[in-house]
Every structure is written in C-alpha cells, then in structure tokens.
PDB file of N, CA and C in Angstrom:
ATOM      1  N   MET A   1       0.849  -1.165   0.000  1.00  0.00           N
ATOM      2  CA  MET A   1       0.000   0.000   0.000  1.00  0.00           C
ATOM      3  C   MET A   1       0.897   1.231   0.000  1.00  0.00           C
ATOM      4  N   VAL A   2       0.524   2.220  -0.777  1.00  0.00           N
ATOM      5  CA  VAL A   2       1.232   3.488  -0.839  1.00  0.00           C
ATOM      6  C   VAL A   2       0.234   4.595  -0.556  1.00  0.00           C
ATOM      7  N   ILE A   3       0.577   5.492   0.337  1.00  0.00           N
ATOM      8  CA  ILE A   3      -0.269   6.652   0.610  1.00  0.00           C
ATOM      9  C   ILE A   3       0.560   7.892   0.307  1.00  0.00           C
ATOM     10  N   CYS A   4       0.077   8.722  -0.597  1.00  0.00           N
ATOM     11  CA  CYS A   4       0.768   9.953  -0.987  1.00  0.00           C
ATOM     12  C   CYS A   4      -0.113  11.143  -0.669  1.00  0.00           C
ATOM     13  N   GLU A   5       0.420  12.097   0.039  1.00  0.00           N
ATOM     14  CA  GLU A   5      -0.311  13.337   0.300  1.00  0.00           C
ATOM     15  C   GLU A   5       0.549  14.484  -0.195  1.00  0.00           C
ATOM     16  N   TYR A   6      -0.049  15.400  -0.910  1.00  0.00           N
ATOM     17  CA  TYR A   6       0.664  16.504  -1.520  1.00  0.00           C
ATOM     18  C   TYR A   6       0.279  17.815  -0.859  1.00  0.00           C
ATOM     19  N   SER A   7       1.119  18.296   0.038  1.00  0.00           N
ATOM     20  CA  SER A   7       0.960  19.605   0.689  1.00  0.00           C
ATOM     21  C   SER A   7      -0.455  19.869   1.174  1.00  0.00           C
ATOM     22  N   GLY A   8      -1.139  18.844   1.676  1.00  0.00           N
ATOM     23  CA  GLY A   8      -2.474  19.009   2.225  1.00  0.00           C
ATOM     24  C   GLY A   8      -3.551  19.242   1.184  1.00  0.00           C
ATOM     25  N   GLN A   9      -3.201  19.228  -0.102  1.00  0.00           N
ATOM     26  CA  GLN A   9      -4.172  19.501  -1.156  1.00  0.00           C
ATOM     27  C   GLN A   9      -4.864  18.242  -1.643  1.00  0.00           C
ATOM     28  N   GLY A  10      -4.346  17.089  -1.300  1.00  0.00           N
ATOM     29  CA  GLY A  10      -4.969  15.853  -1.737  1.00  0.00           C
ATOM     30  C   GLY A  10      -4.161  14.662  -1.288  1.00  0.00           C
ATOM     31  N   ILE A  11      -4.778  13.519  -1.352  1.00  0.00           N
ATOM     32  CA  ILE A  11      -4.104  12.285  -0.976  1.00  0.00           C
ATOM     33  C   ILE A  11      -4.558  11.187  -1.917  1.00  0.00           C
ATOM     34  N   LEU A  12      -3.646  10.296  -2.262  1.00  0.00           N
ATOM     35  CA  LEU A  12      -3.962   9.172  -3.126  1.00  0.00           C
ATOM     36  C   LEU A  12      -3.389   7.921  -2.492  1.00  0.00           C
ATOM     37  N   GLU A  13      -4.237   6.942  -2.231  1.00  0.00           N
ATOM     38  CA  GLU A  13      -3.815   5.666  -1.665  1.00  0.00           C
ATOM     39  C   GLU A  13      -3.890   4.638  -2.781  1.00  0.00           C
ATOM     40  N   LEU A  14      -2.759   3.976  -3.083  1.00  0.00           N
ATOM     41  CA  LEU A  14      -2.722   2.950  -4.115  1.00  0.00           C
ATOM     42  C   LEU A  14      -2.557   1.595  -3.446  1.00  0.00           C
ATOM     43  N   CYS A  15      -3.482   0.693  -3.711  1.00  0.00           N
ATOM     44  CA  CYS A  15      -3.453  -0.641  -3.113  1.00  0.00           C
ATOM     45  C   CYS A  15      -3.283  -1.679  -4.210  1.00  0.00           C
ATOM     46  N   HIS A  16      -2.353  -2.604  -4.023  1.00  0.00           N
ATOM     47  CA  HIS A  16      -2.135  -3.689  -4.976  1.00  0.00           C
ATOM     48  C   HIS A  16      -2.600  -4.988  -4.336  1.00  0.00           C
ATOM     49  N   ASN A  17      -3.371  -5.769  -5.062  1.00  0.00           N
ATOM     50  CA  ASN A  17      -3.812  -7.072  -4.562  1.00  0.00           C
ATOM     51  C   ASN A  17      -2.721  -8.090  -4.878  1.00  0.00           C
ATOM     52  N   TRP A  18      -1.872  -8.330  -3.900  1.00  0.00           N
ATOM     53  CA  TRP A  18      -0.695  -9.175  -4.077  1.00  0.00           C
ATOM     54  C   TRP A  18      -1.073 -10.572  -4.524  1.00  0.00           C
ATOM     55  N   GLY A  19      -0.254 -11.111  -5.420  1.00  0.00           N
ATOM     56  CA  GLY A  19      -0.438 -12.471  -5.900  1.00  0.00           C
ATOM     57  C   GLY A  19      -0.921 -12.534  -7.333  1.00  0.00           C
ATOM     58  N   THR A  20      -1.616 -11.507  -7.817  1.00  0.00           N
ATOM     59  CA  THR A  20      -2.157 -11.560  -9.177  1.00  0.00           C
ATOM     60  C   THR A  20      -1.060 -11.512 -10.231  1.00  0.00           C
ATOM     61  N   GLU A  21       0.140 -11.060  -9.858  1.00  0.00           N
ATOM     62  CA  GLU A  21       1.233 -10.971 -10.822  1.00  0.00           C
ATOM     63  C   GLU A  21       1.992 -12.291 -10.975  1.00  0.00           C
ATOM     64  N   LEU A  22       1.710 -13.263 -10.137  1.00  0.00           N
ATOM     65  CA  LEU A  22       2.422 -14.538 -10.167  1.00  0.00           C
ATOM     66  C   LEU A  22       1.845 -15.476 -11.218  1.00  0.00           C
ATOM     67  N   PRO A  23       2.722 -16.171 -11.975  1.00  0.00           N
ATOM     68  CA  PRO A  23       2.221 -17.131 -12.966  1.00  0.00           C
ATOM     69  C   PRO A  23       1.312 -18.188 -12.335  1.00  0.00           C
ATOM     70  N   SER A  24       1.605 -18.565 -11.114  1.00  0.00           N
ATOM     71  CA  SER A  24       0.800 -19.588 -10.433  1.00  0.00           C
ATOM     72  C   SER A  24      -0.589 -19.098 -10.047  1.00  0.00           C
ATOM     73  N   SER A  25      -0.838 -17.792 -10.191  1.00  0.00           N
ATOM     74  CA  SER A  25      -2.140 -17.254  -9.786  1.00  0.00           C
ATOM     75  C   SER A  25      -3.238 -17.579 -10.789  1.00  0.00           C
ATOM     76  N   GLY A  26      -2.859 -17.953 -12.027  1.00  0.00           N
ATOM     77  CA  GLY A  26      -3.874 -18.204 -13.043  1.00  0.00           C
ATOM     78  C   GLY A  26      -4.537 -16.926 -13.520  1.00  0.00           C
ATOM     79  N   PHE A  27      -3.818 -15.806 -13.429  1.00  0.00           N
ATOM     80  CA  PHE A  27      -4.363 -14.495 -13.789  1.00  0.00           C
ATOM     81  C   PHE A  27      -4.949 -14.521 -15.196  1.00  0.00           C
ATOM     82  N   GLU A  28      -6.187 -14.069 -15.320  1.00  0.00           N
ATOM     83  CA  GLU A  28      -6.905 -14.108 -16.597  1.00  0.00           C
ATOM     84  C   GLU A  28      -7.229 -12.719 -17.120  1.00  0.00           C
ATOM     85  N   GLY A  29      -6.571 -11.708 -16.630  1.00  0.00           N
ATOM     86  CA  GLY A  29      -6.835 -10.347 -17.083  1.00  0.00           C
ATOM     87  C   GLY A  29      -7.332  -9.483 -15.946  1.00  0.00           C
ATOM     88  N   TYR A  30      -7.379  -8.199 -16.196  1.00  0.00           N
ATOM     89  CA  TYR A  30      -7.762  -7.246 -15.162  1.00  0.00           C
ATOM     90  C   TYR A  30      -9.258  -7.210 -14.940  1.00  0.00           C
ATOM     91  N   LYS A  31      -9.621  -7.061 -13.693  1.00  0.00           N
ATOM     92  CA  LYS A  31     -11.013  -6.896 -13.279  1.00  0.00           C
ATOM     93  C   LYS A  31     -11.019  -5.882 -12.146  1.00  0.00           C
ATOM     94  N   SER A  32     -12.178  -5.326 -11.884  1.00  0.00           N
ATOM     95  CA  SER A  32     -12.312  -4.541 -10.670  1.00  0.00           C
ATOM     96  C   SER A  32     -12.107  -5.514  -9.521  1.00  0.00           C
ATOM     97  N   GLY A  33     -11.288  -5.165  -8.568  1.00  0.00           N
ATOM     98  CA  GLY A  33     -11.047  -6.041  -7.425  1.00  0.00           C
ATOM     99  C   GLY A  33     -12.265  -6.229  -6.549  1.00  0.00           C
ATOM    100  N   ASN A  34     -13.357  -5.555  -6.880  1.00  0.00           N
ATOM    101  CA  ASN A  34     -14.577  -5.654  -6.093  1.00  0.00           C
ATOM    102  C   ASN A  34     -15.615  -6.553  -6.752  1.00  0.00           C
ATOM    103  N   GLU A  35     -15.265  -7.151  -7.882  1.00  0.00           N
ATOM    104  CA  GLU A  35     -16.151  -8.090  -8.561  1.00  0.00           C
ATOM    105  C   GLU A  35     -15.848  -9.499  -8.062  1.00  0.00           C
ATOM    106  N   PRO A  36     -16.739 -10.455  -8.315  1.00  0.00           N
ATOM    107  CA  PRO A  36     -16.473 -11.832  -7.892  1.00  0.00           C
ATOM    108  C   PRO A  36     -15.100 -12.306  -8.353  1.00  0.00           C
ATOM    109  N   GLU A  37     -14.479 -13.063  -7.547  1.00  0.00           N
ATOM    110  CA  GLU A  37     -13.127 -13.607  -7.663  1.00  0.00           C
ATOM    111  C   GLU A  37     -12.087 -12.610  -7.160  1.00  0.00           C
ATOM    112  N   HIS A  38     -12.449 -11.346  -7.011  1.00  0.00           N
ATOM    113  CA  HIS A  38     -11.624 -10.325  -6.359  1.00  0.00           C
ATOM    114  C   HIS A  38     -10.170 -10.321  -6.825  1.00  0.00           C
ATOM    115  N   LYS A  39      -9.971 -10.232  -8.132  1.00  0.00           N
ATOM    116  CA  LYS A  39      -8.628 -10.132  -8.701  1.00  0.00           C
ATOM    117  C   LYS A  39      -8.396  -8.714  -9.195  1.00  0.00           C
ATOM    118  N   GLY A  40      -7.158  -8.266  -9.128  1.00  0.00           N
ATOM    119  CA  GLY A  40      -6.810  -6.993  -9.741  1.00  0.00           C
ATOM    120  C   GLY A  40      -6.957  -5.804  -8.816  1.00  0.00           C
ATOM    121  N   PHE A  41      -7.286  -4.682  -9.411  1.00  0.00           N
ATOM    122  CA  PHE A  41      -7.363  -3.399  -8.714  1.00  0.00           C
ATOM    123  C   PHE A  41      -8.461  -3.426  -7.659  1.00  0.00           C
ATOM    124  N   GLY A  42      -8.190  -2.860  -6.494  1.00  0.00           N
ATOM    125  CA  GLY A  42      -9.179  -2.778  -5.422  1.00  0.00           C
ATOM    126  C   GLY A  42      -9.908  -1.452  -5.433  1.00  0.00           C
ATOM    127  N   HIS A  43      -9.317  -0.413  -4.841  1.00  0.00           N
ATOM    128  CA  HIS A  43      -9.971   0.897  -4.816  1.00  0.00           C
ATOM    129  C   HIS A  43      -8.952   1.974  -4.480  1.00  0.00           C
ATOM    130  N   ILE A  44      -9.339   3.229  -4.717  1.00  0.00           N
ATOM    131  CA  ILE A  44      -8.547   4.356  -4.243  1.00  0.00           C
ATOM    132  C   ILE A  44      -9.285   4.963  -3.058  1.00  0.00           C
ATOM    133  N   CYS A  45      -8.567   5.746  -2.290  1.00  0.00           N
ATOM    134  CA  CYS A  45      -9.143   6.363  -1.096  1.00  0.00           C
ATOM    135  C   CYS A  45      -8.784   7.842  -1.092  1.00  0.00           C
ATOM    136  N   VAL A  46      -9.746   8.672  -0.722  1.00  0.00           N
ATOM    137  CA  VAL A  46      -9.488  10.102  -0.572  1.00  0.00           C
ATOM    138  C   VAL A  46      -9.970  10.550   0.804  1.00  0.00           C
ATOM    139  N   PHE A  47      -9.235  11.484   1.398  1.00  0.00           N
ATOM    140  CA  PHE A  47      -9.620  12.072   2.675  1.00  0.00           C
ATOM    141  C   PHE A  47     -10.343  13.386   2.415  1.00  0.00           C
ATOM    142  N   VAL A  48     -11.360  13.657   3.199  1.00  0.00           N
ATOM    143  CA  VAL A  48     -12.113  14.907   3.094  1.00  0.00           C
ATOM    144  C   VAL A  48     -12.206  15.539   4.480  1.00  0.00           C
ATOM    145  N   ASP A  49     -12.428  16.844   4.518  1.00  0.00           N
ATOM    146  CA  ASP A  49     -12.555  17.540   5.800  1.00  0.00           C
ATOM    147  C   ASP A  49     -13.876  17.229   6.487  1.00  0.00           C
ATOM    148  N   ASP A  50     -14.941  17.036   5.720  1.00  0.00           N
ATOM    149  CA  ASP A  50     -16.273  16.779   6.282  1.00  0.00           C
ATOM    150  C   ASP A  50     -16.964  15.706   5.449  1.00  0.00           C
ATOM    151  N   LEU A  51     -17.027  14.494   5.991  1.00  0.00           N
ATOM    152  CA  LEU A  51     -17.581  13.351   5.263  1.00  0.00           C
ATOM    153  C   LEU A  51     -19.032  13.577   4.862  1.00  0.00           C
ATOM    154  N   HIS A  52     -19.834  14.101   5.770  1.00  0.00           N
ATOM    155  CA  HIS A  52     -21.263  14.261   5.469  1.00  0.00           C
ATOM    156  C   HIS A  52     -21.504  15.336   4.412  1.00  0.00           C
ATOM    157  N   LYS A  53     -20.738  16.417   4.450  1.00  0.00           N
ATOM    158  CA  LYS A  53     -20.857  17.439   3.404  1.00  0.00           C
ATOM    159  C   LYS A  53     -20.442  16.863   2.053  1.00  0.00           C
ATOM    160  N   ALA A  54     -19.362  16.085   2.056  1.00  0.00           N
ATOM    161  CA  ALA A  54     -18.901  15.472   0.807  1.00  0.00           C
ATOM    162  C   ALA A  54     -19.966  14.526   0.258  1.00  0.00           C
ATOM    163  N   CYS A  55     -20.560  13.708   1.130  1.00  0.00           N
ATOM    164  CA  CYS A  55     -21.591  12.763   0.688  1.00  0.00           C
ATOM    165  C   CYS A  55     -22.834  13.492   0.193  1.00  0.00           C
ATOM    166  N   ASP A  56     -23.199  14.586   0.847  1.00  0.00           N
ATOM    167  CA  ASP A  56     -24.326  15.397   0.361  1.00  0.00           C
ATOM    168  C   ASP A  56     -24.040  15.913  -1.044  1.00  0.00           C
ATOM    169  N   ARG A  57     -22.817  16.364  -1.259  1.00  0.00           N
ATOM    170  CA  ARG A  57     -22.435  16.868  -2.591  1.00  0.00           C
ATOM    171  C   ARG A  57     -22.490  15.749  -3.627  1.00  0.00           C
ATOM    172  N   PHE A  58     -21.957  14.568  -3.281  1.00  0.00           N
ATOM    173  CA  PHE A  58     -21.999  13.439  -4.219  1.00  0.00           C
ATOM    174  C   PHE A  58     -23.441  13.070  -4.561  1.00  0.00           C
ATOM    175  N   THR A  59     -24.313  13.097  -3.562  1.00  0.00           N
ATOM    176  CA  THR A  59     -25.730  12.786  -3.787  1.00  0.00           C
ATOM    177  C   THR A  59     -26.339  13.789  -4.762  1.00  0.00           C
ATOM    178  N   LYS A  60     -26.077  15.077  -4.543  1.00  0.00           N
ATOM    179  CA  LYS A  60     -26.611  16.119  -5.432  1.00  0.00           C
ATOM    180  C   LYS A  60     -26.089  15.975  -6.855  1.00  0.00           C
ATOM    181  N   LEU A  61     -24.869  15.459  -6.998  1.00  0.00           N
ATOM    182  CA  LEU A  61     -24.274  15.267  -8.319  1.00  0.00           C
ATOM    183  C   LEU A  61     -24.724  13.961  -8.976  1.00  0.00           C
ATOM    184  N   GLY A  62     -25.516  13.160  -8.251  1.00  0.00           N
ATOM    185  CA  GLY A  62     -26.012  11.908  -8.810  1.00  0.00           C
ATOM    186  C   GLY A  62     -25.025  10.756  -8.762  1.00  0.00           C
ATOM    187  N   VAL A  63     -24.017  10.871  -7.907  1.00  0.00           N
ATOM    188  CA  VAL A  63     -23.022   9.809  -7.763  1.00  0.00           C
ATOM    189  C   VAL A  63     -23.659   8.614  -7.064  1.00  0.00           C
ATOM    190  N   GLN A  64     -23.347   7.415  -7.551  1.00  0.00           N
ATOM    191  CA  GLN A  64     -23.893   6.198  -6.949  1.00  0.00           C
ATOM    192  C   GLN A  64     -23.016   5.767  -5.770  1.00  0.00           C
ATOM    193  N   PHE A  65     -23.658   5.395  -4.682  1.00  0.00           N
ATOM    194  CA  PHE A  65     -22.952   4.937  -3.485  1.00  0.00           C
ATOM    195  C   PHE A  65     -22.937   3.416  -3.420  1.00  0.00           C
ATOM    196  N   LYS A  66     -21.810   2.874  -2.978  1.00  0.00           N
ATOM    197  CA  LYS A  66     -21.717   1.461  -2.610  1.00  0.00           C
ATOM    198  C   LYS A  66     -22.021   1.330  -1.118  1.00  0.00           C
ATOM    199  N   LYS A  67     -21.539   2.306  -0.332  1.00  0.00           N
ATOM    200  CA  LYS A  67     -21.777   2.331   1.113  1.00  0.00           C
ATOM    201  C   LYS A  67     -21.839   3.778   1.576  1.00  0.00           C
ATOM    202  N   ARG A  68     -22.909   4.126   2.244  1.00  0.00           N
ATOM    203  CA  ARG A  68     -23.039   5.455   2.854  1.00  0.00           C
ATOM    204  C   ARG A  68     -22.518   5.375   4.294  1.00  0.00           C
ATOM    205  N   PRO A  69     -22.153   6.517   4.893  1.00  0.00           N
ATOM    206  CA  PRO A  69     -21.620   6.485   6.258  1.00  0.00           C
ATOM    207  C   PRO A  69     -22.551   5.800   7.255  1.00  0.00           C
ATOM    208  N   GLU A  70     -23.848   5.935   7.080  1.00  0.00           N
ATOM    209  CA  GLU A  70     -24.801   5.350   8.029  1.00  0.00           C
ATOM    210  C   GLU A  70     -25.029   3.856   7.818  1.00  0.00           C
ATOM    211  N   ASP A  71     -24.469   3.282   6.751  1.00  0.00           N
ATOM    212  CA  ASP A  71     -24.617   1.847   6.485  1.00  0.00           C
ATOM    213  C   ASP A  71     -23.544   1.063   7.237  1.00  0.00           C
ATOM    214  N   GLY A  72     -23.942   0.048   7.954  1.00  0.00           N
ATOM    215  CA  GLY A  72     -22.982  -0.806   8.640  1.00  0.00           C
ATOM    216  C   GLY A  72     -22.383  -0.160   9.875  1.00  0.00           C
ATOM    217  N   GLN A  73     -21.308  -0.775  10.369  1.00  0.00           N
ATOM    218  CA  GLN A  73     -20.692  -0.328  11.616  1.00  0.00           C
ATOM    219  C   GLN A  73     -19.600   0.716  11.412  1.00  0.00           C
ATOM    220  N   MET A  74     -19.024   0.784  10.228  1.00  0.00           N
ATOM    221  CA  MET A  74     -17.938   1.735   9.965  1.00  0.00           C
ATOM    222  C   MET A  74     -18.546   3.051   9.481  1.00  0.00           C
ATOM    223  N   ARG A  75     -18.860   3.924  10.431  1.00  0.00           N
ATOM    224  CA  ARG A  75     -19.587   5.161  10.139  1.00  0.00           C
ATOM    225  C   ARG A  75     -18.680   6.318   9.711  1.00  0.00           C
ATOM    226  N   HIS A  76     -17.380   6.094   9.728  1.00  0.00           N
ATOM    227  CA  HIS A  76     -16.432   7.157   9.377  1.00  0.00           C
ATOM    228  C   HIS A  76     -15.983   7.087   7.919  1.00  0.00           C
ATOM    229  N   ILE A  77     -16.575   6.162   7.144  1.00  0.00           N
ATOM    230  CA  ILE A  77     -16.193   6.024   5.738  1.00  0.00           C
ATOM    231  C   ILE A  77     -17.428   5.872   4.860  1.00  0.00           C
ATOM    232  N   ALA A  78     -17.226   6.161   3.591  1.00  0.00           N
ATOM    233  CA  ALA A  78     -18.241   5.906   2.568  1.00  0.00           C
ATOM    234  C   ALA A  78     -17.507   5.354   1.353  1.00  0.00           C
ATOM    235  N   PHE A  79     -18.228   4.670   0.496  1.00  0.00           N
ATOM    236  CA  PHE A  79     -17.690   4.220  -0.781  1.00  0.00           C
ATOM    237  C   PHE A  79     -18.630   4.692  -1.879  1.00  0.00           C
ATOM    238  N   ILE A  80     -18.060   5.360  -2.886  1.00  0.00           N
ATOM    239  CA  ILE A  80     -18.835   5.734  -4.061  1.00  0.00           C
ATOM    240  C   ILE A  80     -18.290   4.939  -5.243  1.00  0.00           C
ATOM    241  N   LEU A  81     -19.039   4.945  -6.338  1.00  0.00           N
ATOM    242  CA  LEU A  81     -18.625   4.218  -7.534  1.00  0.00           C
ATOM    243  C   LEU A  81     -18.301   5.207  -8.644  1.00  0.00           C
ATOM    244  N   ASP A  82     -17.174   4.981  -9.327  1.00  0.00           N
ATOM    245  CA  ASP A  82     -16.880   5.822 -10.484  1.00  0.00           C
ATOM    246  C   ASP A  82     -17.696   5.306 -11.672  1.00  0.00           C
ATOM    247  N   PRO A  83     -17.659   5.979 -12.823  1.00  0.00           N
ATOM    248  CA  PRO A  83     -18.491   5.540 -13.954  1.00  0.00           C
ATOM    249  C   PRO A  83     -18.223   4.109 -14.415  1.00  0.00           C
ATOM    250  N   ASP A  84     -17.010   3.582 -14.139  1.00  0.00           N
ATOM    251  CA  ASP A  84     -16.696   2.192 -14.489  1.00  0.00           C
ATOM    252  C   ASP A  84     -16.976   1.230 -13.342  1.00  0.00           C
ATOM    253  N   ARG A  85     -17.597   1.730 -12.290  1.00  0.00           N
ATOM    254  CA  ARG A  85     -17.985   0.964 -11.112  1.00  0.00           C
ATOM    255  C   ARG A  85     -16.800   0.573 -10.222  1.00  0.00           C
ATOM    256  N   TYR A  86     -15.686   1.285 -10.358  1.00  0.00           N
ATOM    257  CA  TYR A  86     -14.595   1.099  -9.406  1.00  0.00           C
ATOM    258  C   TYR A  86     -14.956   1.842  -8.126  1.00  0.00           C
ATOM    259  N   TRP A  87     -14.560   1.259  -7.005  1.00  0.00           N
ATOM    260  CA  TRP A  87     -14.881   1.844  -5.707  1.00  0.00           C
ATOM    261  C   TRP A  87     -13.912   2.974  -5.382  1.00  0.00           C
ATOM    262  N   ILE A  88     -14.439   4.036  -4.782  1.00  0.00           N
ATOM    263  CA  ILE A  88     -13.632   5.130  -4.249  1.00  0.00           C
ATOM    264  C   ILE A  88     -14.030   5.293  -2.786  1.00  0.00           C
ATOM    265  N   GLU A  89     -13.068   5.081  -1.905  1.00  0.00           N
ATOM    266  CA  GLU A  89     -13.318   5.187  -0.463  1.00  0.00           C
ATOM    267  C   GLU A  89     -13.171   6.645  -0.044  1.00  0.00           C
ATOM    268  N   ILE A  90     -14.121   7.123   0.734  1.00  0.00           N
ATOM    269  CA  ILE A  90     -14.106   8.495   1.226  1.00  0.00           C
ATOM    270  C   ILE A  90     -14.003   8.431   2.751  1.00  0.00           C
ATOM    271  N   ILE A  91     -12.956   9.042   3.305  1.00  0.00           N
ATOM    272  CA  ILE A  91     -12.725   9.020   4.754  1.00  0.00           C
ATOM    273  C   ILE A  91     -12.624  10.450   5.258  1.00  0.00           C
ATOM    274  N   GLN A  92     -13.242  10.704   6.402  1.00  0.00           N
ATOM    275  CA  GLN A  92     -13.115  12.023   7.020  1.00  0.00           C
ATOM    276  C   GLN A  92     -11.782  12.126   7.731  1.00  0.00           C
ATOM    277  N   LYS A  93     -11.055  13.185   7.428  1.00  0.00           N
ATOM    278  CA  LYS A  93      -9.786  13.461   8.089  1.00  0.00           C
ATOM    279  C   LYS A  93     -10.095  13.913   9.510  1.00  0.00           C
ATOM    280  N   SER A  94      -9.464  13.314  10.509  1.00  0.00           N
ATOM    281  CA  SER A  94      -9.728  13.713  11.892  1.00  0.00           C
ATOM    282  C   SER A  94      -8.716  14.768  12.327  1.00  0.00           C
ATOM    283  N   ALA A  95      -9.070  15.515  13.357  1.00  0.00           N
ATOM    284  CA  ALA A  95      -8.228  16.611  13.837  1.00  0.00           C
ATOM    285  C   ALA A  95      -6.860  16.121  14.282  1.00  0.00           C
ATOM    286  N   GLY A  96      -6.770  14.879  14.752  1.00  0.00           N
ATOM    287  CA  GLY A  96      -5.506  14.355  15.243  1.00  0.00           C
ATOM    288  C   GLY A  96      -4.654  13.677  14.194  1.00  0.00           C
ATOM    289  N   ASP A  97      -5.109  13.646  12.938  1.00  0.00           N
ATOM    290  CA  ASP A  97      -4.329  12.989  11.891  1.00  0.00           C
ATOM    291  C   ASP A  97      -2.991  13.686  11.695  1.00  0.00           C
ATOM    292  N   LYS A  98      -1.946  12.892  11.626  1.00  0.00           N
ATOM    293  CA  LYS A  98      -0.613  13.422  11.383  1.00  0.00           C
ATOM    294  C   LYS A  98      -0.479  13.735   9.892  1.00  0.00           C
ATOM    295  N   GLU A  99       0.079  14.874   9.594  1.00  0.00           N
ATOM    296  CA  GLU A  99       0.268  15.274   8.198  1.00  0.00           C
ATOM    297  C   GLU A  99       1.525  14.608   7.640  1.00  0.00           C
ATOM    298  N   HIS A 100       1.394  13.935   6.522  1.00  0.00           N
ATOM    299  CA  HIS A 100       2.523  13.375   5.783  1.00  0.00           C
ATOM    300  C   HIS A 100       2.494  14.038   4.420  1.00  0.00           C
ATOM    301  N   THR A 101       3.491  14.860   4.143  1.00  0.00           N
ATOM    302  CA  THR A 101       3.459  15.585   2.880  1.00  0.00           C
ATOM    303  C   THR A 101       4.657  15.234   2.018  1.00  0.00           C
ATOM    304  N   ILE A 102       4.449  15.332   0.730  1.00  0.00           N
ATOM    305  CA  ILE A 102       5.512  15.143  -0.247  1.00  0.00           C
ATOM    306  C   ILE A 102       5.666  16.473  -0.967  1.00  0.00           C
ATOM    307  N   PRO A 103       6.864  17.046  -0.968  1.00  0.00           N
ATOM    308  CA  PRO A 103       7.042  18.372  -1.584  1.00  0.00           C
ATOM    309  C   PRO A 103       6.704  18.374  -3.069  1.00  0.00           C
TER     310      PRO A 103
END
C-alpha cells in the first residue's frame, strides 16, 4: 500500500492485490477487485474535511454509493462508484491525523 499526500491539497492511496502478478495465480486479465473472484485493482481512497458534506455533494451530483456512512458499523467512511464501477473510499480526516506531505 502506498499513501501519498501533496501539501495538504490531496491524498492518493494505491493498493495492490498481491499475488495476481504470479504465474501460479492463473491471472486471466484485469477486473475490478470488487467483482467476484476479487482479482486486480481494489480501490482508491481520498480524505475529506467533512464526510457528510462530501456525501451530500456526491448525492446532489447523482453519484452512486456502494456504502453510505450510516450503512454498517464503519460510520467514518463511505464508498462511491466511479463511472466504471470502481470503488472510491471516502474518509473524514480527523483533527488528530498526522500530516505526511511530499514536496
């Protein structure tokens, strides 16, 4: 997993599903890691200052949700779907989060 934050202006988390690159894995091509068999790309994650405001904005824009903050036990995150149905995780940045910046 790689987490990159650029001067507080944004963050990009890249996750690799280990094992799909091995010949023994029987890899048959790329898929959304959220489809059955769970091979390939998983999701990206972005931090926001206010999760509920962000979700309200996504709703107004007609963005489809996989998980809203009020769904399930993990109330501090949401998942939206991009036009290709890849998951995008939305997490509220907390006041105590340590800043990791890349110049």
